[in-house]
Amino acid sequence: MTALTLTNVCKSFGAVEVLKDINLTVEDGEFVVFVGPSGCGKSTLLRVIAGLEDATSGTVEIGGDVVNTIPPAKRGIAMVFQSYALYPHLTVRDNMALGLKQEKQPRSVIDERVNKAVSMLDLGAYVDRRPSDLSGGQRQRVAIGRAIVREPKLFLFDEPLSNLDAALRMNTRIEIAELHRTLSASMIYVTHDQTEAMTLADKIVVLRDGRVEQVGSPMELYNNPANQFVAGFLGSPAMNFLKKAPLTIPKGGALGIRPEHLRPAKGGRIKGTVTHVERLGGDTNLLVSTAEQEPLTVRIFGQDDTQVGAAIELDFNDTQSFAFDKSLQRVAI
């Protein structure tokens, strides 16, 4: 069964078009990530799916049912917010059980579902604590547990890790991935962090200015970007773009080369000067200014003793490069 189908969904606030003709299918059990820069419409699209905003036009189907006129509580969805949205006066157990109590579920059902979620999220030691006694990561796990007990058709995550520090983000990201494998549930996850998108998604939806730029698996988008925006958005360090390229490219276009595909090579086609060195231990990033005064990042695996100010010659495998025309669309080299 298809978990979600969006057909020609548009959303406007007055004269401002925020979502423009969105068409998308999420299959049952699929983990789909909406990614894009701030203001691209990803959170608005999630809110339209949830029913927190009405679509201006188009249809939203969840589990095969058109839900445009159905209120959020009746859509069979559960949402996890960036802000946790926990009740400060309730314990962990009571926060997780509240939605089921409001649905007037039997006590036995409430206890069974809450206990299962507590075990799944390793919250057993905290069930009698209140949110103020928990760390940020623990609070987010409670918020996720509150969604799990609803047993929804569709989980919606709106930038749930943004308030966590780097170590907690990684740990919680792993927990969410394990949760998806355990539940085999359909999940939609909004983030501006391309690392989260690449590591969590079965399918990534790249949005820009309210439109879908490309949909595909993480590696499909990384290896075969449809345009220069997608190519530059996915990947860290970001793809390099040269206007003055050693290959033939369309007038006004650019040649894209990922940092890991550039290599120091005597007699290489790209010549420049090292302007900065980032020594990361496992990797070294060289920031280079080319002879044409264009900036490049070169990713070298392992440690490297290149110094700032050094002259450098670089080359690359032509088959690992990308050409884009002046309208930013990918073209054949």
C-alpha atoms as a PDB file:
ATOM      1  CA  MET A   1       0.000   0.000   0.000  1.00  0.00           C
ATOM      2  CA  THR A   2       1.132   3.540  -0.732  1.00  0.00           C
ATOM      3  CA  ALA A   3       1.593   5.480   2.507  1.00  0.00           C
ATOM      4  CA  LEU A   4       1.308   8.961   0.989  1.00  0.00           C
ATOM      5  CA  THR A   5       0.434  10.459  -2.369  1.00  0.00           C
ATOM      6  CA  LEU A   6       0.654  14.174  -3.116  1.00  0.00           C
ATOM      7  CA  THR A   7      -0.919  15.312  -6.376  1.00  0.00           C
ATOM      8  CA  ASN A   8      -0.369  18.848  -7.695  1.00  0.00           C
ATOM      9  CA  VAL A   9      -0.174  20.263  -4.169  1.00  0.00           C
ATOM     10  CA  CYS A  10       0.159  24.046  -4.001  1.00  0.00           C
ATOM     11  CA  LYS A  11       0.172  26.361  -1.010  1.00  0.00           C
ATOM     12  CA  SER A  12       0.000  30.141  -1.017  1.00  0.00           C
ATOM     13  CA  PHE A  13      -0.037  32.694   1.774  1.00  0.00           C
ATOM     14  CA  GLY A  14      -1.802  35.592   0.118  1.00  0.00           C
ATOM     15  CA  ALA A  15       0.094  36.397  -3.067  1.00  0.00           C
ATOM     16  CA  VAL A  16       3.157  34.414  -1.979  1.00  0.00           C
ATOM     17  CA  GLU A  17       3.437  30.916  -3.472  1.00  0.00           C
ATOM     18  CA  VAL A  18       5.234  28.699  -0.962  1.00  0.00           C
ATOM     19  CA  LEU A  19       4.582  25.283  -2.555  1.00  0.00           C
ATOM     20  CA  LYS A  20       4.339  24.942  -6.314  1.00  0.00           C
ATOM     21  CA  ASP A  21       2.767  21.863  -7.895  1.00  0.00           C
ATOM     22  CA  ILE A  22       4.241  19.157  -5.640  1.00  0.00           C
ATOM     23  CA  ASN A  23       3.833  15.557  -6.823  1.00  0.00           C
ATOM     24  CA  LEU A  24       5.245  12.800  -4.637  1.00  0.00           C
ATOM     25  CA  THR A  25       4.646   9.204  -3.598  1.00  0.00           C
ATOM     26  CA  VAL A  26       5.869   7.618  -0.363  1.00  0.00           C
ATOM     27  CA  GLU A  27       5.679   3.832  -0.303  1.00  0.00           C
ATOM     28  CA  ASP A  28       4.691   1.774   2.721  1.00  0.00           C
ATOM     29  CA  GLY A  29       7.666   1.400   5.070  1.00  0.00           C
ATOM     30  CA  GLU A  30       9.780   3.974   3.245  1.00  0.00           C
ATOM     31  CA  PHE A  31      11.957   6.573   5.010  1.00  0.00           C
ATOM     32  CA  VAL A  32      11.737   9.789   2.997  1.00  0.00           C
ATOM     33  CA  VAL A  33      13.716  12.929   3.820  1.00  0.00           C
ATOM     34  CA  PHE A  34      12.749  16.436   2.686  1.00  0.00           C
ATOM     35  CA  VAL A  35      15.901  18.505   2.416  1.00  0.00           C
ATOM     36  CA  GLY A  36      16.716  21.981   1.199  1.00  0.00           C
ATOM     37  CA  PRO A  37      17.843  25.425   2.342  1.00  0.00           C
ATOM     38  CA  SER A  38      15.871  27.607   4.741  1.00  0.00           C
ATOM     39  CA  GLY A  39      12.727  28.954   3.099  1.00  0.00           C
ATOM     40  CA  CYS A  40      12.467  26.208   0.480  1.00  0.00           C
ATOM     41  CA  GLY A  41       9.046  25.037   1.743  1.00  0.00           C
ATOM     42  CA  LYS A  42       9.955  21.731   3.363  1.00  0.00           C
ATOM     43  CA  SER A  43       8.352  22.424   6.766  1.00  0.00           C
ATOM     44  CA  THR A  44       5.277  23.934   5.109  1.00  0.00           C
ATOM     45  CA  LEU A  45       4.913  20.787   3.019  1.00  0.00           C
ATOM     46  CA  LEU A  46       5.117  18.645   6.157  1.00  0.00           C
ATOM     47  CA  ARG A  47       2.444  20.800   7.822  1.00  0.00           C
ATOM     48  CA  VAL A  48       0.163  20.401   4.794  1.00  0.00           C
ATOM     49  CA  ILE A  49       0.568  16.612   5.032  1.00  0.00           C
ATOM     50  CA  ALA A  50      -0.197  16.773   8.763  1.00  0.00           C
ATOM     51  CA  GLY A  51      -3.235  19.000   8.256  1.00  0.00           C
ATOM     52  CA  LEU A  52      -1.765  21.887  10.237  1.00  0.00           C
ATOM     53  CA  GLU A  53      -1.984  23.934   7.024  1.00  0.00           C
ATOM     54  CA  ASP A  54      -4.572  23.551   4.253  1.00  0.00           C
ATOM     55  CA  ALA A  55      -3.388  23.003   0.709  1.00  0.00           C
ATOM     56  CA  THR A  56      -4.468  25.832  -1.580  1.00  0.00           C
ATOM     57  CA  SER A  57      -4.990  23.239  -4.306  1.00  0.00           C
ATOM     58  CA  GLY A  58      -4.157  19.610  -5.026  1.00  0.00           C
ATOM     59  CA  THR A  59      -4.853  16.443  -3.052  1.00  0.00           C
ATOM     60  CA  VAL A  60      -3.209  14.740  -0.082  1.00  0.00           C
ATOM     61  CA  GLU A  61      -3.807  10.988   0.283  1.00  0.00           C
ATOM     62  CA  ILE A  62      -2.688   8.993   3.322  1.00  0.00           C
ATOM     63  CA  GLY A  63      -3.096   5.224   3.155  1.00  0.00           C
ATOM     64  CA  GLY A  64      -5.225   5.603   0.023  1.00  0.00           C
ATOM     65  CA  ASP A  65      -7.686   8.067   1.610  1.00  0.00           C
ATOM     66  CA  VAL A  66      -7.963  11.711   0.537  1.00  0.00           C
ATOM     67  CA  VAL A  67      -7.480  13.691   3.766  1.00  0.00           C
ATOM     68  CA  ASN A  68      -7.649  17.329   2.606  1.00  0.00           C
ATOM     69  CA  THR A  69     -10.731  18.030   4.747  1.00  0.00           C
ATOM     70  CA  ILE A  70      -9.853  15.662   7.611  1.00  0.00           C
ATOM     71  CA  PRO A  71      -8.441  17.256  10.817  1.00  0.00           C
ATOM     72  CA  PRO A  72      -4.912  16.324  11.951  1.00  0.00           C
ATOM     73  CA  ALA A  73      -6.066  14.064  14.802  1.00  0.00           C
ATOM     74  CA  LYS A  74      -8.021  11.885  12.358  1.00  0.00           C
ATOM     75  CA  ARG A  75      -5.337  11.507   9.678  1.00  0.00           C
ATOM     76  CA  GLY A  76      -3.495   8.586  11.267  1.00  0.00           C
ATOM     77  CA  ILE A  77      -0.262  10.542  11.609  1.00  0.00           C
ATOM     78  CA  ALA A  78       2.068  11.256  14.522  1.00  0.00           C
ATOM     79  CA  MET A  79       4.404  14.234  14.488  1.00  0.00           C
ATOM     80  CA  VAL A  80       7.706  14.845  16.290  1.00  0.00           C
ATOM     81  CA  PHE A  81       8.685  18.517  16.564  1.00  0.00           C
ATOM     82  CA  GLN A  82      12.029  20.259  16.947  1.00  0.00           C
ATOM     83  CA  SER A  83      10.862  21.750  20.264  1.00  0.00           C
ATOM     84  CA  TYR A  84       9.882  18.382  21.896  1.00  0.00           C
ATOM     85  CA  ALA A  85       6.509  19.928  23.004  1.00  0.00           C
ATOM     86  CA  LEU A  86       6.392  17.929  26.254  1.00  0.00           C
ATOM     87  CA  TYR A  87       4.111  18.830  29.166  1.00  0.00           C
ATOM     88  CA  PRO A  88       6.466  19.964  31.966  1.00  0.00           C
ATOM     89  CA  HIS A  89       4.161  18.881  34.814  1.00  0.00           C
ATOM     90  CA  LEU A  90       3.755  15.307  33.532  1.00  0.00           C
ATOM     91  CA  THR A  91       6.159  12.406  33.966  1.00  0.00           C
ATOM     92  CA  VAL A  92       7.750  10.631  31.020  1.00  0.00           C
ATOM     93  CA  ARG A  93       5.146   7.865  31.244  1.00  0.00           C
ATOM     94  CA  ASP A  94       2.241  10.318  31.430  1.00  0.00           C
ATOM     95  CA  ASN A  95       3.569  12.408  28.531  1.00  0.00           C
ATOM     96  CA  MET A  96       3.736   9.290  26.376  1.00  0.00           C
ATOM     97  CA  ALA A  97       0.309   8.052  27.468  1.00  0.00           C
ATOM     98  CA  LEU A  98      -1.601  11.331  27.181  1.00  0.00           C
ATOM     99  CA  GLY A  99      -2.642  11.000  23.546  1.00  0.00           C
ATOM    100  CA  LEU A 100      -3.970   7.481  24.139  1.00  0.00           C
ATOM    101  CA  LYS A 101      -5.916   8.672  27.187  1.00  0.00           C
ATOM    102  CA  GLN A 102      -7.485  11.412  25.089  1.00  0.00           C
ATOM    103  CA  GLU A 103      -8.495   8.737  22.567  1.00  0.00           C
ATOM    104  CA  LYS A 104     -10.087   6.882  25.516  1.00  0.00           C
ATOM    105  CA  GLN A 105      -8.031   3.761  24.891  1.00  0.00           C
ATOM    106  CA  PRO A 106      -8.355   0.998  27.530  1.00  0.00           C
ATOM    107  CA  ARG A 107      -5.799   1.109  30.335  1.00  0.00           C
ATOM    108  CA  SER A 108      -4.387  -2.251  29.243  1.00  0.00           C
ATOM    109  CA  VAL A 109      -3.723  -0.940  25.735  1.00  0.00           C
ATOM    110  CA  ILE A 110      -2.107   2.230  27.083  1.00  0.00           C
ATOM    111  CA  ASP A 111       0.195   0.303  29.417  1.00  0.00           C
ATOM    112  CA  GLU A 112       1.169  -2.197  26.733  1.00  0.00           C
ATOM    113  CA  ARG A 113       2.036   0.458  24.131  1.00  0.00           C
ATOM    114  CA  VAL A 114       3.854   2.759  26.564  1.00  0.00           C
ATOM    115  CA  ASN A 115       5.896  -0.110  28.031  1.00  0.00           C
ATOM    116  CA  LYS A 116       6.846  -1.261  24.545  1.00  0.00           C
ATOM    117  CA  ALA A 117       7.988   2.236  23.547  1.00  0.00           C
ATOM    118  CA  VAL A 118       9.873   2.715  26.831  1.00  0.00           C
ATOM    119  CA  SER A 119      11.762  -0.518  26.209  1.00  0.00           C
ATOM    120  CA  MET A 120      12.441   0.300  22.564  1.00  0.00           C
ATOM    121  CA  LEU A 121      13.861   3.725  23.434  1.00  0.00           C
ATOM    122  CA  ASP A 122      15.735   2.619  26.574  1.00  0.00           C
ATOM    123  CA  LEU A 123      13.772   5.004  28.811  1.00  0.00           C
ATOM    124  CA  GLY A 124      13.033   2.570  31.633  1.00  0.00           C
ATOM    125  CA  ALA A 125      15.135   4.460  34.182  1.00  0.00           C
ATOM    126  CA  TYR A 126      13.358   7.746  33.446  1.00  0.00           C
ATOM    127  CA  VAL A 127       9.626   6.933  33.312  1.00  0.00           C
ATOM    128  CA  ASP A 128       8.848   8.706  36.592  1.00  0.00           C
ATOM    129  CA  ARG A 129      10.915  11.809  35.854  1.00  0.00           C
ATOM    130  CA  ARG A 130       9.609  15.081  34.476  1.00  0.00           C
ATOM    131  CA  PRO A 131      11.068  16.760  31.367  1.00  0.00           C
ATOM    132  CA  SER A 132      13.099  19.239  33.440  1.00  0.00           C
ATOM    133  CA  ASP A 133      15.051  16.289  34.862  1.00  0.00           C
ATOM    134  CA  LEU A 134      16.039  14.974  31.416  1.00  0.00           C
ATOM    135  CA  SER A 135      18.779  15.845  28.928  1.00  0.00           C
ATOM    136  CA  GLY A 136      17.903  17.169  25.479  1.00  0.00           C
ATOM    137  CA  GLY A 137      18.451  13.761  23.899  1.00  0.00           C
ATOM    138  CA  GLN A 138      16.245  12.057  26.476  1.00  0.00           C
ATOM    139  CA  ARG A 139      13.472  14.600  25.929  1.00  0.00           C
ATOM    140  CA  GLN A 140      13.593  13.968  22.212  1.00  0.00           C
ATOM    141  CA  ARG A 141      13.336  10.229  22.823  1.00  0.00           C
ATOM    142  CA  VAL A 142      10.225  10.844  24.928  1.00  0.00           C
ATOM    143  CA  ALA A 143       8.732  12.890  22.096  1.00  0.00           C
ATOM    144  CA  ILE A 144       9.486  10.044  19.685  1.00  0.00           C
ATOM    145  CA  GLY A 145       7.968   7.556  22.141  1.00  0.00           C
ATOM    146  CA  ARG A 146       4.809   9.637  22.311  1.00  0.00           C
ATOM    147  CA  ALA A 147       4.542   9.259  18.538  1.00  0.00           C
ATOM    148  CA  ILE A 148       5.278   5.514  18.596  1.00  0.00           C
ATOM    149  CA  VAL A 149       2.445   4.683  21.014  1.00  0.00           C
ATOM    150  CA  ARG A 150      -0.065   6.181  18.574  1.00  0.00           C
ATOM    151  CA  GLU A 151       0.828   3.409  16.067  1.00  0.00           C
ATOM    152  CA  PRO A 152       0.258   5.867  13.183  1.00  0.00           C
ATOM    153  CA  LYS A 153       0.071   5.203   9.456  1.00  0.00           C
ATOM    154  CA  LEU A 154       2.734   7.836   8.953  1.00  0.00           C
ATOM    155  CA  PHE A 155       5.444   9.369  11.174  1.00  0.00           C
ATOM    156  CA  LEU A 156       6.357  13.015  10.522  1.00  0.00           C
ATOM    157  CA  PHE A 157       9.607  14.481  11.895  1.00  0.00           C
ATOM    158  CA  ASP A 158      10.163  18.250  11.696  1.00  0.00           C
ATOM    159  CA  GLU A 159      13.913  18.911  12.216  1.00  0.00           C
ATOM    160  CA  PRO A 160      13.899  16.827  15.433  1.00  0.00           C
ATOM    161  CA  LEU A 161      17.653  17.012  16.063  1.00  0.00           C
ATOM    162  CA  SER A 162      18.244  20.743  15.575  1.00  0.00           C
ATOM    163  CA  ASN A 163      18.359  21.494  19.309  1.00  0.00           C
ATOM    164  CA  LEU A 164      20.930  18.790  20.102  1.00  0.00           C
ATOM    165  CA  ASP A 165      24.714  19.078  20.147  1.00  0.00           C
ATOM    166  CA  ALA A 166      26.793  17.222  17.556  1.00  0.00           C
ATOM    167  CA  ALA A 167      27.375  14.036  19.590  1.00  0.00           C
ATOM    168  CA  LEU A 168      23.721  13.749  20.597  1.00  0.00           C
ATOM    169  CA  ARG A 169      22.604  14.397  17.014  1.00  0.00           C
ATOM    170  CA  MET A 170      24.658  11.460  15.800  1.00  0.00           C
ATOM    171  CA  ASN A 171      23.422   9.141  18.562  1.00  0.00           C
ATOM    172  CA  THR A 172      19.782  10.121  18.120  1.00  0.00           C
ATOM    173  CA  ARG A 173      20.109   9.810  14.344  1.00  0.00           C
ATOM    174  CA  ILE A 174      21.263   6.221  14.809  1.00  0.00           C
ATOM    175  CA  GLU A 175      18.348   5.580  17.183  1.00  0.00           C
ATOM    176  CA  ILE A 176      15.853   6.904  14.631  1.00  0.00           C
ATOM    177  CA  ALA A 177      17.368   4.686  11.927  1.00  0.00           C
ATOM    178  CA  GLU A 178      17.144   1.650  14.226  1.00  0.00           C
ATOM    179  CA  LEU A 179      13.582   2.593  15.109  1.00  0.00           C
ATOM    180  CA  HIS A 180      12.645   2.665  11.438  1.00  0.00           C
ATOM    181  CA  ARG A 181      14.135  -0.785  10.906  1.00  0.00           C
ATOM    182  CA  THR A 182      12.310  -2.138  13.966  1.00  0.00           C
ATOM    183  CA  LEU A 183       8.901  -0.663  13.163  1.00  0.00           C
ATOM    184  CA  SER A 184       9.115  -0.906   9.343  1.00  0.00           C
ATOM    185  CA  ALA A 185       6.999   2.246   9.444  1.00  0.00           C
ATOM    186  CA  SER A 186       6.551   4.975   6.845  1.00  0.00           C
ATOM    187  CA  MET A 187       8.457   8.080   7.921  1.00  0.00           C
ATOM    188  CA  ILE A 188       8.903  11.574   6.515  1.00  0.00           C
ATOM    189  CA  TYR A 189      11.753  13.589   7.971  1.00  0.00           C
ATOM    190  CA  VAL A 190      12.460  17.279   7.386  1.00  0.00           C
ATOM    191  CA  THR A 191      15.997  18.634   7.749  1.00  0.00           C
ATOM    192  CA  HIS A 192      18.329  21.262   6.312  1.00  0.00           C
ATOM    193  CA  ASP A 193      21.283  19.007   7.218  1.00  0.00           C
ATOM    194  CA  GLN A 194      22.418  17.050   4.166  1.00  0.00           C
ATOM    195  CA  THR A 195      24.366  14.602   6.373  1.00  0.00           C
ATOM    196  CA  GLU A 196      21.126  13.575   8.099  1.00  0.00           C
ATOM    197  CA  ALA A 197      19.470  13.240   4.705  1.00  0.00           C
ATOM    198  CA  MET A 198      22.260  11.081   3.254  1.00  0.00           C
ATOM    199  CA  THR A 199      22.537   8.768   6.263  1.00  0.00           C
ATOM    200  CA  LEU A 200      18.843   8.247   7.081  1.00  0.00           C
ATOM    201  CA  ALA A 201      16.890   8.270   3.830  1.00  0.00           C
ATOM    202  CA  ASP A 202      15.680   5.533   1.541  1.00  0.00           C
ATOM    203  CA  LYS A 203      14.603   8.406  -0.682  1.00  0.00           C
ATOM    204  CA  ILE A 204      15.572  12.091  -0.625  1.00  0.00           C
ATOM    205  CA  VAL A 205      13.325  14.885  -1.899  1.00  0.00           C
ATOM    206  CA  VAL A 206      15.402  17.990  -2.664  1.00  0.00           C
ATOM    207  CA  LEU A 207      13.334  21.183  -2.506  1.00  0.00           C
ATOM    208  CA  ARG A 208      14.145  24.699  -3.643  1.00  0.00           C
ATOM    209  CA  ASP A 209      11.834  27.716  -3.760  1.00  0.00           C
ATOM    210  CA  GLY A 210       8.763  25.540  -3.203  1.00  0.00           C
ATOM    211  CA  ARG A 211       9.505  23.097  -6.017  1.00  0.00           C
ATOM    212  CA  VAL A 212      10.875  19.571  -6.105  1.00  0.00           C
ATOM    213  CA  GLU A 213      14.274  19.659  -7.775  1.00  0.00           C
ATOM    214  CA  GLN A 214      14.991  15.919  -7.703  1.00  0.00           C
ATOM    215  CA  VAL A 215      13.842  12.718  -5.981  1.00  0.00           C
ATOM    216  CA  GLY A 216      15.947   9.589  -5.555  1.00  0.00           C
ATOM    217  CA  SER A 217      18.083   7.489  -3.268  1.00  0.00           C
ATOM    218  CA  PRO A 218      21.023   9.250  -1.558  1.00  0.00           C
ATOM    219  CA  MET A 219      23.589   7.713  -3.880  1.00  0.00           C
ATOM    220  CA  GLU A 220      21.480   8.361  -6.989  1.00  0.00           C
ATOM    221  CA  LEU A 221      21.368  12.051  -6.164  1.00  0.00           C
ATOM    222  CA  TYR A 222      25.038  12.171  -5.161  1.00  0.00           C
ATOM    223  CA  ASN A 223      26.293  10.378  -8.271  1.00  0.00           C
ATOM    224  CA  ASN A 224      23.725  11.655 -10.788  1.00  0.00           C
ATOM    225  CA  PRO A 225      22.481  15.125  -9.781  1.00  0.00           C
ATOM    226  CA  ALA A 226      19.941  16.550 -12.206  1.00  0.00           C
ATOM    227  CA  ASN A 227      21.205  20.105 -11.889  1.00  0.00           C
ATOM    228  CA  GLN A 228      23.836  22.322 -10.317  1.00  0.00           C
ATOM    229  CA  PHE A 229      21.714  23.092  -7.240  1.00  0.00           C
ATOM    230  CA  VAL A 230      21.357  19.426  -6.267  1.00  0.00           C
ATOM    231  CA  ALA A 231      25.014  18.766  -7.078  1.00  0.00           C
ATOM    232  CA  GLY A 232      26.147  21.595  -4.824  1.00  0.00           C
ATOM    233  CA  PHE A 233      23.719  20.908  -2.003  1.00  0.00           C
ATOM    234  CA  LEU A 234      24.620  17.256  -1.401  1.00  0.00           C
ATOM    235  CA  GLY A 235      28.165  16.475  -0.384  1.00  0.00           C
ATOM    236  CA  SER A 236      30.594  17.711   2.266  1.00  0.00           C
ATOM    237  CA  PRO A 237      32.812  19.482   1.403  1.00  0.00           C
ATOM    238  CA  ALA A 238      30.546  20.819  -1.345  1.00  0.00           C
ATOM    239  CA  MET A 239      31.183  20.237  -5.041  1.00  0.00           C
ATOM    240  CA  ASN A 240      33.578  22.632  -6.784  1.00  0.00           C
ATOM    241  CA  PHE A 241      32.309  24.614  -9.784  1.00  0.00           C
ATOM    242  CA  LEU A 242      34.743  26.023 -12.344  1.00  0.00           C
ATOM    243  CA  LYS A 243      33.712  28.583 -14.933  1.00  0.00           C
ATOM    244  CA  LYS A 244      37.149  28.389 -16.579  1.00  0.00           C
ATOM    245  CA  ALA A 245      37.439  24.665 -17.012  1.00  0.00           C
ATOM    246  CA  PRO A 246      39.990  22.375 -18.656  1.00  0.00           C
ATOM    247  CA  LEU A 247      37.117  20.616 -20.478  1.00  0.00           C
ATOM    248  CA  THR A 248      34.644  21.964 -23.033  1.00  0.00           C
ATOM    249  CA  ILE A 249      31.496  23.173 -21.286  1.00  0.00           C
ATOM    250  CA  PRO A 250      28.534  25.277 -22.460  1.00  0.00           C
ATOM    251  CA  LYS A 251      29.111  29.043 -22.621  1.00  0.00           C
ATOM    252  CA  GLY A 252      28.151  30.556 -19.271  1.00  0.00           C
ATOM    253  CA  GLY A 253      28.062  27.105 -17.667  1.00  0.00           C
ATOM    254  CA  ALA A 254      30.289  25.386 -15.116  1.00  0.00           C
ATOM    255  CA  LEU A 255      32.267  22.205 -14.588  1.00  0.00           C
ATOM    256  CA  GLY A 256      31.533  20.407 -11.321  1.00  0.00           C
ATOM    257  CA  ILE A 257      34.165  18.278  -9.566  1.00  0.00           C
ATOM    258  CA  ARG A 258      33.754  16.823  -6.094  1.00  0.00           C
ATOM    259  CA  PRO A 259      36.659  17.534  -3.701  1.00  0.00           C
ATOM    260  CA  GLU A 260      37.470  13.834  -3.303  1.00  0.00           C
ATOM    261  CA  HIS A 261      37.846  13.458  -7.085  1.00  0.00           C
ATOM    262  CA  LEU A 262      40.623  16.043  -7.341  1.00  0.00           C
ATOM    263  CA  ARG A 263      44.159  14.784  -6.798  1.00  0.00           C
ATOM    264  CA  PRO A 264      47.613  16.379  -6.755  1.00  0.00           C
ATOM    265  CA  ALA A 265      49.349  15.380  -9.977  1.00  0.00           C
ATOM    266  CA  LYS A 266      52.547  16.615 -11.606  1.00  0.00           C
ATOM    267  CA  GLY A 267      51.577  18.275 -14.877  1.00  0.00           C
ATOM    268  CA  GLY A 268      47.909  18.364 -13.839  1.00  0.00           C
ATOM    269  CA  ARG A 269      45.480  20.472 -15.872  1.00  0.00           C
ATOM    270  CA  ILE A 270      44.518  22.710 -12.943  1.00  0.00           C
ATOM    271  CA  LYS A 271      47.230  24.888 -11.425  1.00  0.00           C
ATOM    272  CA  GLY A 272      46.895  26.972  -8.302  1.00  0.00           C
ATOM    273  CA  THR A 273      48.121  27.998  -4.854  1.00  0.00           C
ATOM    274  CA  VAL A 274      47.119  26.527  -1.492  1.00  0.00           C
ATOM    275  CA  THR A 275      45.409  29.270   0.544  1.00  0.00           C
ATOM    276  CA  HIS A 276      44.362  27.257   3.608  1.00  0.00           C
ATOM    277  CA  VAL A 277      44.751  23.738   5.030  1.00  0.00           C
ATOM    278  CA  GLU A 278      42.185  21.940   7.213  1.00  0.00           C
ATOM    279  CA  ARG A 279      43.840  19.044   9.014  1.00  0.00           C
ATOM    280  CA  LEU A 280      41.044  16.812  10.291  1.00  0.00           C
ATOM    281  CA  GLY A 281      43.111  13.776  11.260  1.00  0.00           C
ATOM    282  CA  GLY A 282      41.504  11.192   9.010  1.00  0.00           C
ATOM    283  CA  ASP A 283      41.225  13.661   6.116  1.00  0.00           C
ATOM    284  CA  THR A 284      42.959  16.821   4.940  1.00  0.00           C
ATOM    285  CA  ASN A 285      41.144  19.551   3.027  1.00  0.00           C
ATOM    286  CA  LEU A 286      43.238  21.839   0.856  1.00  0.00           C
ATOM    287  CA  LEU A 287      41.679  25.154  -0.124  1.00  0.00           C
ATOM    288  CA  VAL A 288      43.164  26.247  -3.417  1.00  0.00           C
ATOM    289  CA  SER A 289      42.968  29.377  -5.552  1.00  0.00           C
ATOM    290  CA  THR A 290      43.433  28.439  -9.208  1.00  0.00           C
ATOM    291  CA  ALA A 291      45.546  30.360 -11.703  1.00  0.00           C
ATOM    292  CA  GLU A 292      42.211  31.851 -12.896  1.00  0.00           C
ATOM    293  CA  GLN A 293      41.410  32.977  -9.318  1.00  0.00           C
ATOM    294  CA  GLU A 294      38.636  30.410  -8.810  1.00  0.00           C
ATOM    295  CA  PRO A 295      38.359  28.678  -5.399  1.00  0.00           C
ATOM    296  CA  LEU A 296      38.649  24.906  -5.082  1.00  0.00           C
ATOM    297  CA  THR A 297      38.506  22.427  -2.220  1.00  0.00           C
ATOM    298  CA  VAL A 298      40.605  19.264  -2.505  1.00  0.00           C
ATOM    299  CA  ARG A 299      39.854  16.378  -0.136  1.00  0.00           C
ATOM    300  CA  ILE A 300      42.835  14.151   0.575  1.00  0.00           C
ATOM    301  CA  PHE A 301      42.168  10.969   2.494  1.00  0.00           C
ATOM    302  CA  GLY A 302      44.550  10.685   5.407  1.00  0.00           C
ATOM    303  CA  GLN A 303      47.129  13.179   6.650  1.00  0.00           C
ATOM    304  CA  ASP A 304      49.036  15.454   4.320  1.00  0.00           C
ATOM    305  CA  ASP A 305      51.924  17.870   4.961  1.00  0.00           C
ATOM    306  CA  THR A 306      51.106  20.425   2.229  1.00  0.00           C
ATOM    307  CA  GLN A 307      51.652  23.962   3.516  1.00  0.00           C
ATOM    308  CA  VAL A 308      49.791  27.221   2.904  1.00  0.00           C
ATOM    309  CA  GLY A 309      51.333  29.108   0.005  1.00  0.00           C
ATOM    310  CA  ALA A 310      52.502  25.995  -1.826  1.00  0.00           C
ATOM    311  CA  ALA A 311      52.068  25.824  -5.588  1.00  0.00           C
ATOM    312  CA  ILE A 312      49.945  22.826  -6.568  1.00  0.00           C
ATOM    313  CA  GLU A 313      48.932  21.019  -9.750  1.00  0.00           C
ATOM    314  CA  LEU A 314      45.687  19.044  -9.764  1.00  0.00           C
ATOM    315  CA  ASP A 315      43.930  16.627 -12.063  1.00  0.00           C
ATOM    316  CA  PHE A 316      40.789  14.476 -12.127  1.00  0.00           C
ATOM    317  CA  ASN A 317      39.078  11.666 -14.009  1.00  0.00           C
ATOM    318  CA  ASP A 318      36.853  13.242 -16.673  1.00  0.00           C
ATOM    319  CA  THR A 319      34.135  10.613 -16.085  1.00  0.00           C
ATOM    320  CA  GLN A 320      33.780  11.777 -12.488  1.00  0.00           C
ATOM    321  CA  SER A 321      33.048  15.391 -13.448  1.00  0.00           C
ATOM    322  CA  PHE A 322      29.757  17.099 -14.299  1.00  0.00           C
ATOM    323  CA  ALA A 323      28.902  19.846 -16.791  1.00  0.00           C
ATOM    324  CA  PHE A 324      26.107  22.361 -16.244  1.00  0.00           C
ATOM    325  CA  ASP A 325      24.747  24.962 -18.642  1.00  0.00           C
ATOM    326  CA  LYS A 326      23.992  28.596 -17.774  1.00  0.00           C
ATOM    327  CA  SER A 327      20.471  27.625 -16.638  1.00  0.00           C
ATOM    328  CA  LEU A 328      22.148  25.259 -14.084  1.00  0.00           C
ATOM    329  CA  GLN A 329      20.861  22.117 -15.796  1.00  0.00           C
ATOM    330  CA  ARG A 330      23.203  19.153 -16.200  1.00  0.00           C
ATOM    331  CA  VAL A 331      24.431  18.424 -19.714  1.00  0.00           C
ATOM    332  CA  ALA A 332      26.634  15.766 -21.250  1.00  0.00           C
ATOM    333  CA  ILE A 333      30.357  16.400 -21.332  1.00  0.00           C
END
